[in-house]
Amino acid sequence: DPGIIFIPKPWRFDGLAAEERHVIR
């Protein structure tokens, strides 16, 4: 307890159109 291990993996996000504002949360 809590017994949590954080496991990271590479992040990639596709399809962000030009002429727009994008918000990554």
PDB file of all heavy atoms in Angstrom:
ATOM      1  N   ASP A   1       0.840  -1.191   0.000  1.00  0.00           N
ATOM      2  CA  ASP A   1       0.000   0.000   0.000  1.00  0.00           C
ATOM      3  C   ASP A   1       0.880   1.248   0.000  1.00  0.00           C
ATOM      4  O   ASP A   1       1.676   1.416   0.924  1.00  0.00           O
ATOM      5  CB  ASP A   1      -0.903  -0.011   1.241  1.00  0.00           C
ATOM      6  CG  ASP A   1      -1.877   1.154   1.280  1.00  0.00           C
ATOM      7  OD1 ASP A   1      -2.100   1.770   0.211  1.00  0.00           O
ATOM      8  OD2 ASP A   1      -2.385   1.457   2.373  1.00  0.00           O
ATOM      9  N   PRO A   2       0.797   2.096  -1.007  1.00  0.00           N
ATOM     10  CA  PRO A   2      -0.151   2.072  -2.132  1.00  0.00           C
ATOM     11  C   PRO A   2       0.211   1.070  -3.221  1.00  0.00           C
ATOM     12  O   PRO A   2      -0.609   0.766  -4.078  1.00  0.00           O
ATOM     13  CB  PRO A   2      -0.091   3.498  -2.671  1.00  0.00           C
ATOM     14  CG  PRO A   2       1.303   3.927  -2.386  1.00  0.00           C
ATOM     15  CD  PRO A   2       1.651   3.307  -1.054  1.00  0.00           C
ATOM     16  N   GLY A   3       1.443   0.596  -3.240  1.00  0.00           N
ATOM     17  CA  GLY A   3       1.822  -0.445  -4.199  1.00  0.00           C
ATOM     18  C   GLY A   3       1.862   0.017  -5.641  1.00  0.00           C
ATOM     19  O   GLY A   3       1.515  -0.754  -6.538  1.00  0.00           O
ATOM     20  N   ILE A   4       2.275   1.260  -5.871  1.00  0.00           N
ATOM     21  CA  ILE A   4       2.276   1.819  -7.224  1.00  0.00           C
ATOM     22  C   ILE A   4       3.703   2.039  -7.710  1.00  0.00           C
ATOM     23  O   ILE A   4       4.552   2.592  -7.007  1.00  0.00           O
ATOM     24  CB  ILE A   4       1.517   3.163  -7.265  1.00  0.00           C
ATOM     25  CG1 ILE A   4       0.047   2.944  -6.910  1.00  0.00           C
ATOM     26  CG2 ILE A   4       1.646   3.817  -8.640  1.00  0.00           C
ATOM     27  CD1 ILE A   4      -0.718   2.074  -7.889  1.00  0.00           C
ATOM     28  N   ILE A   5       3.960   1.596  -8.948  1.00  0.00           N
ATOM     29  CA  ILE A   5       5.186   1.913  -9.671  1.00  0.00           C
ATOM     30  C   ILE A   5       4.776   2.623 -10.958  1.00  0.00           C
ATOM     31  O   ILE A   5       3.857   2.185 -11.661  1.00  0.00           O
ATOM     32  CB  ILE A   5       5.989   0.635 -10.009  1.00  0.00           C
ATOM     33  CG1 ILE A   5       6.650   0.077  -8.751  1.00  0.00           C
ATOM     34  CG2 ILE A   5       7.056   0.922 -11.064  1.00  0.00           C
ATOM     35  CD1 ILE A   5       7.815   0.897  -8.232  1.00  0.00           C
ATOM     36  N   PHE A   6       5.441   3.730 -11.255  1.00  0.00           N
ATOM     37  CA  PHE A   6       5.146   4.489 -12.473  1.00  0.00           C
ATOM     38  C   PHE A   6       5.981   3.940 -13.622  1.00  0.00           C
ATOM     39  O   PHE A   6       7.212   3.899 -13.536  1.00  0.00           O
ATOM     40  CB  PHE A   6       5.441   5.969 -12.250  1.00  0.00           C
ATOM     41  CG  PHE A   6       4.536   6.626 -11.263  1.00  0.00           C
ATOM     42  CD1 PHE A   6       4.831   6.601  -9.908  1.00  0.00           C
ATOM     43  CD2 PHE A   6       3.375   7.266 -11.681  1.00  0.00           C
ATOM     44  CE1 PHE A   6       3.992   7.208  -8.987  1.00  0.00           C
ATOM     45  CE2 PHE A   6       2.541   7.878 -10.765  1.00  0.00           C
ATOM     46  CZ  PHE A   6       2.839   7.853  -9.411  1.00  0.00           C
ATOM     47  N   ILE A   7       5.303   3.532 -14.698  1.00  0.00           N
ATOM     48  CA  ILE A   7       5.993   2.947 -15.849  1.00  0.00           C
ATOM     49  C   ILE A   7       5.827   3.891 -17.042  1.00  0.00           C
ATOM     50  O   ILE A   7       4.719   4.046 -17.572  1.00  0.00           O
ATOM     51  CB  ILE A   7       5.437   1.559 -16.191  1.00  0.00           C
ATOM     52  CG1 ILE A   7       5.541   0.632 -14.971  1.00  0.00           C
ATOM     53  CG2 ILE A   7       6.189   0.963 -17.387  1.00  0.00           C
ATOM     54  CD1 ILE A   7       4.955  -0.741 -15.201  1.00  0.00           C
ATOM     55  N   PRO A   8       6.917   4.547 -17.475  1.00  0.00           N
ATOM     56  CA  PRO A   8       6.815   5.492 -18.597  1.00  0.00           C
ATOM     57  C   PRO A   8       6.956   4.806 -19.951  1.00  0.00           C
ATOM     58  O   PRO A   8       7.693   3.826 -20.096  1.00  0.00           O
ATOM     59  CB  PRO A   8       7.989   6.441 -18.339  1.00  0.00           C
ATOM     60  CG  PRO A   8       9.034   5.541 -17.732  1.00  0.00           C
ATOM     61  CD  PRO A   8       8.273   4.519 -16.904  1.00  0.00           C
ATOM     62  N   LYS A   9       6.254   5.325 -20.917  1.00  0.00           N
ATOM     63  CA  LYS A   9       6.377   4.862 -22.295  1.00  0.00           C
ATOM     64  C   LYS A   9       6.479   6.087 -23.197  1.00  0.00           C
ATOM     65  O   LYS A   9       5.934   7.143 -22.879  1.00  0.00           O
ATOM     66  CB  LYS A   9       5.168   4.000 -22.691  1.00  0.00           C
ATOM     67  CG  LYS A   9       5.041   2.729 -21.866  1.00  0.00           C
ATOM     68  CD  LYS A   9       3.805   1.939 -22.255  1.00  0.00           C
ATOM     69  CE  LYS A   9       3.661   0.688 -21.380  1.00  0.00           C
ATOM     70  NZ  LYS A   9       2.430  -0.078 -21.702  1.00  0.00           N
ATOM     71  N   PRO A  10       7.185   5.972 -24.335  1.00  0.00           N
ATOM     72  CA  PRO A  10       7.333   7.133 -25.227  1.00  0.00           C
ATOM     73  C   PRO A  10       5.977   7.668 -25.659  1.00  0.00           C
ATOM     74  O   PRO A  10       5.040   6.903 -25.933  1.00  0.00           O
ATOM     75  CB  PRO A  10       8.120   6.565 -26.417  1.00  0.00           C
ATOM     76  CG  PRO A  10       8.839   5.385 -25.869  1.00  0.00           C
ATOM     77  CD  PRO A  10       7.924   4.793 -24.830  1.00  0.00           C
ATOM     78  N   TRP A  11       5.878   8.990 -25.719  1.00  0.00           N
ATOM     79  CA  TRP A  11       4.621   9.652 -26.088  1.00  0.00           C
ATOM     80  C   TRP A  11       4.741  10.290 -27.462  1.00  0.00           C
ATOM     81  O   TRP A  11       5.750  10.904 -27.791  1.00  0.00           O
ATOM     82  CB  TRP A  11       4.280  10.723 -25.066  1.00  0.00           C
ATOM     83  CG  TRP A  11       3.095  11.566 -25.435  1.00  0.00           C
ATOM     84  CD1 TRP A  11       1.776  11.236 -25.330  1.00  0.00           C
ATOM     85  CD2 TRP A  11       3.125  12.892 -25.985  1.00  0.00           C
ATOM     86  NE1 TRP A  11       0.984  12.271 -25.772  1.00  0.00           N
ATOM     87  CE2 TRP A  11       1.789  13.298 -26.182  1.00  0.00           C
ATOM     88  CE3 TRP A  11       4.161  13.773 -26.317  1.00  0.00           C
ATOM     89  CZ2 TRP A  11       1.450  14.551 -26.701  1.00  0.00           C
ATOM     90  CZ3 TRP A  11       3.833  15.021 -26.840  1.00  0.00           C
ATOM     91  CH2 TRP A  11       2.495  15.399 -27.029  1.00  0.00           C
ATOM     92  N   ARG A  12       3.694  10.111 -28.265  1.00  0.00           N
ATOM     93  CA  ARG A  12       3.620  10.725 -29.585  1.00  0.00           C
ATOM     94  C   ARG A  12       2.159  11.009 -29.899  1.00  0.00           C
ATOM     95  O   ARG A  12       1.288  10.197 -29.573  1.00  0.00           O
ATOM     96  CB  ARG A  12       4.219   9.809 -30.658  1.00  0.00           C
ATOM     97  CG  ARG A  12       4.148  10.392 -32.077  1.00  0.00           C
ATOM     98  CD  ARG A  12       4.651   9.397 -33.122  1.00  0.00           C
ATOM     99  NE  ARG A  12       4.500   9.913 -34.468  1.00  0.00           N
ATOM    100  CZ  ARG A  12       5.443  10.597 -35.104  1.00  0.00           C
ATOM    101  NH1 ARG A  12       6.610  10.810 -34.519  1.00  0.00           N
ATOM    102  NH2 ARG A  12       5.229  11.048 -36.329  1.00  0.00           N
ATOM    103  N   PHE A  13       1.895  12.164 -30.515  1.00  0.00           N
ATOM    104  CA  PHE A  13       0.523  12.500 -30.888  1.00  0.00           C
ATOM    105  C   PHE A  13       0.528  13.011 -32.319  1.00  0.00           C
ATOM    106  O   PHE A  13       1.248  13.938 -32.665  1.00  0.00           O
ATOM    107  CB  PHE A  13      -0.053  13.560 -29.949  1.00  0.00           C
ATOM    108  CG  PHE A  13      -1.552  13.601 -29.955  1.00  0.00           C
ATOM    109  CD1 PHE A  13      -2.290  12.837 -29.066  1.00  0.00           C
ATOM    110  CD2 PHE A  13      -2.244  14.383 -30.872  1.00  0.00           C
ATOM    111  CE1 PHE A  13      -3.682  12.857 -29.075  1.00  0.00           C
ATOM    112  CE2 PHE A  13      -3.631  14.403 -30.905  1.00  0.00           C
ATOM    113  CZ  PHE A  13      -4.351  13.641 -29.998  1.00  0.00           C
ATOM    114  N   ASP A  14      -0.295  12.369 -33.150  1.00  0.00           N
ATOM    115  CA  ASP A  14      -0.366  12.706 -34.575  1.00  0.00           C
ATOM    116  C   ASP A  14      -1.658  13.457 -34.891  1.00  0.00           C
ATOM    117  O   ASP A  14      -2.588  13.516 -34.086  1.00  0.00           O
ATOM    118  CB  ASP A  14      -0.298  11.428 -35.426  1.00  0.00           C
ATOM    119  CG  ASP A  14       0.992  10.659 -35.219  1.00  0.00           C
ATOM    120  OD1 ASP A  14       2.059  11.288 -35.231  1.00  0.00           O
ATOM    121  OD2 ASP A  14       0.925   9.425 -35.037  1.00  0.00           O
ATOM    122  N   GLY A  15      -1.700  14.009 -36.106  1.00  0.00           N
ATOM    123  CA  GLY A  15      -2.926  14.604 -36.617  1.00  0.00           C
ATOM    124  C   GLY A  15      -3.234  15.984 -36.082  1.00  0.00           C
ATOM    125  O   GLY A  15      -4.413  16.360 -35.994  1.00  0.00           O
ATOM    126  N   LEU A  16      -2.216  16.771 -35.740  1.00  0.00           N
ATOM    127  CA  LEU A  16      -2.439  18.140 -35.286  1.00  0.00           C
ATOM    128  C   LEU A  16      -2.442  19.053 -36.507  1.00  0.00           C
ATOM    129  O   LEU A  16      -1.403  19.291 -37.126  1.00  0.00           O
ATOM    130  CB  LEU A  16      -1.357  18.561 -34.295  1.00  0.00           C
ATOM    131  CG  LEU A  16      -1.272  17.731 -33.009  1.00  0.00           C
ATOM    132  CD1 LEU A  16      -0.079  18.175 -32.171  1.00  0.00           C
ATOM    133  CD2 LEU A  16      -2.556  17.835 -32.214  1.00  0.00           C
ATOM    134  N   ALA A  17      -3.612  19.554 -36.861  1.00  0.00           N
ATOM    135  CA  ALA A  17      -3.762  20.326 -38.091  1.00  0.00           C
ATOM    136  C   ALA A  17      -3.105  21.695 -37.974  1.00  0.00           C
ATOM    137  O   ALA A  17      -3.143  22.334 -36.916  1.00  0.00           O
ATOM    138  CB  ALA A  17      -5.243  20.486 -38.437  1.00  0.00           C
ATOM    139  N   ALA A  18      -2.495  22.145 -39.073  1.00  0.00           N
ATOM    140  CA  ALA A  18      -1.927  23.489 -39.116  1.00  0.00           C
ATOM    141  C   ALA A  18      -3.067  24.514 -39.093  1.00  0.00           C
ATOM    142  O   ALA A  18      -4.233  24.189 -39.314  1.00  0.00           O
ATOM    143  CB  ALA A  18      -1.081  23.662 -40.371  1.00  0.00           C
ATOM    144  N   GLU A  19      -2.693  25.752 -38.772  1.00  0.00           N
ATOM    145  CA  GLU A  19      -3.627  26.871 -38.678  1.00  0.00           C
ATOM    146  C   GLU A  19      -4.662  26.663 -37.580  1.00  0.00           C
ATOM    147  O   GLU A  19      -5.793  27.115 -37.677  1.00  0.00           O
ATOM    148  CB  GLU A  19      -4.303  27.149 -40.022  1.00  0.00           C
ATOM    149  CG  GLU A  19      -3.308  27.556 -41.101  1.00  0.00           C
ATOM    150  CD  GLU A  19      -3.973  28.126 -42.334  1.00  0.00           C
ATOM    151  OE1 GLU A  19      -5.184  27.894 -42.515  1.00  0.00           O
ATOM    152  OE2 GLU A  19      -3.272  28.793 -43.118  1.00  0.00           O
ATOM    153  N   GLU A  20      -4.245  25.956 -36.525  1.00  0.00           N
ATOM    154  CA  GLU A  20      -5.110  25.777 -35.366  1.00  0.00           C
ATOM    155  C   GLU A  20      -4.264  25.837 -34.104  1.00  0.00           C
ATOM    156  O   GLU A  20      -3.054  25.631 -34.139  1.00  0.00           O
ATOM    157  CB  GLU A  20      -5.835  24.425 -35.424  1.00  0.00           C
ATOM    158  CG  GLU A  20      -6.880  24.317 -36.512  1.00  0.00           C
ATOM    159  CD  GLU A  20      -7.649  23.013 -36.433  1.00  0.00           C
ATOM    160  OE1 GLU A  20      -7.673  22.402 -35.340  1.00  0.00           O
ATOM    161  OE2 GLU A  20      -8.196  22.598 -37.462  1.00  0.00           O
ATOM    162  N   ARG A  21      -4.941  26.123 -32.971  1.00  0.00           N
ATOM    163  CA  ARG A  21      -4.286  26.035 -31.675  1.00  0.00           C
ATOM    164  C   ARG A  21      -4.717  24.729 -31.034  1.00  0.00           C
ATOM    165  O   ARG A  21      -5.909  24.421 -30.971  1.00  0.00           O
ATOM    166  CB  ARG A  21      -4.675  27.206 -30.772  1.00  0.00           C
ATOM    167  CG  ARG A  21      -4.062  27.050 -29.378  1.00  0.00           C
ATOM    168  CD  ARG A  21      -4.431  28.164 -28.443  1.00  0.00           C
ATOM    169  NE  ARG A  21      -3.890  27.900 -27.115  1.00  0.00           N
ATOM    170  CZ  ARG A  21      -4.080  28.675 -26.072  1.00  0.00           C
ATOM    171  NH1 ARG A  21      -4.793  29.774 -26.185  1.00  0.00           N
ATOM    172  NH2 ARG A  21      -3.563  28.374 -24.898  1.00  0.00           N
ATOM    173  N   HIS A  22      -3.743  23.981 -30.536  1.00  0.00           N
ATOM    174  CA  HIS A  22      -4.008  22.700 -29.893  1.00  0.00           C
ATOM    175  C   HIS A  22      -3.571  22.768 -28.442  1.00  0.00           C
ATOM    176  O   HIS A  22      -2.519  23.341 -28.123  1.00  0.00           O
ATOM    177  CB  HIS A  22      -3.266  21.580 -30.617  1.00  0.00           C
ATOM    178  CG  HIS A  22      -3.594  21.490 -32.075  1.00  0.00           C
ATOM    179  ND1 HIS A  22      -4.667  20.775 -32.561  1.00  0.00           N
ATOM    180  CD2 HIS A  22      -2.996  22.066 -33.160  1.00  0.00           C
ATOM    181  CE1 HIS A  22      -4.712  20.879 -33.877  1.00  0.00           C
ATOM    182  NE2 HIS A  22      -3.706  21.662 -34.270  1.00  0.00           N
ATOM    183  N   VAL A  23      -4.362  22.184 -27.568  1.00  0.00           N
ATOM    184  CA  VAL A  23      -4.065  22.173 -26.139  1.00  0.00           C
ATOM    185  C   VAL A  23      -3.797  20.736 -25.711  1.00  0.00           C
ATOM    186  O   VAL A  23      -4.638  19.859 -25.912  1.00  0.00           O
ATOM    187  CB  VAL A  23      -5.213  22.777 -25.316  1.00  0.00           C
ATOM    188  CG1 VAL A  23      -4.883  22.747 -23.829  1.00  0.00           C
ATOM    189  CG2 VAL A  23      -5.500  24.210 -25.763  1.00  0.00           C
ATOM    190  N   ILE A  24      -2.630  20.516 -25.144  1.00  0.00           N
ATOM    191  CA  ILE A  24      -2.250  19.199 -24.636  1.00  0.00           C
ATOM    192  C   ILE A  24      -2.359  19.230 -23.120  1.00  0.00           C
ATOM    193  O   ILE A  24      -1.727  20.058 -22.464  1.00  0.00           O
ATOM    194  CB  ILE A  24      -0.826  18.833 -25.073  1.00  0.00           C
ATOM    195  CG1 ILE A  24      -0.770  18.726 -26.600  1.00  0.00           C
ATOM    196  CG2 ILE A  24      -0.377  17.522 -24.432  1.00  0.00           C
ATOM    197  CD1 ILE A  24       0.622  18.530 -27.151  1.00  0.00           C
ATOM    198  N   ARG A  25      -3.160  18.343 -22.571  1.00  0.00           N
ATOM    199  CA  ARG A  25      -3.421  18.318 -21.143  1.00  0.00           C
ATOM    200  C   ARG A  25      -2.595  17.204 -20.492  1.00  0.00           C
ATOM    201  O   ARG A  25      -2.589  16.069 -20.964  1.00  0.00           O
ATOM    202  CB  ARG A  25      -4.911  18.113 -20.881  1.00  0.00           C
ATOM    203  CG  ARG A  25      -5.811  19.017 -21.731  1.00  0.00           C
ATOM    204  CD  ARG A  25      -7.229  19.025 -21.221  1.00  0.00           C
ATOM    205  NE  ARG A  25      -7.275  19.743 -19.949  1.00  0.00           N
ATOM    206  CZ  ARG A  25      -7.409  21.078 -19.870  1.00  0.00           C
ATOM    207  NH1 ARG A  25      -7.500  21.806 -20.964  1.00  0.00           N
ATOM    208  NH2 ARG A  25      -7.442  21.665 -18.691  1.00  0.00           N
TER     209      ARG A  25
END
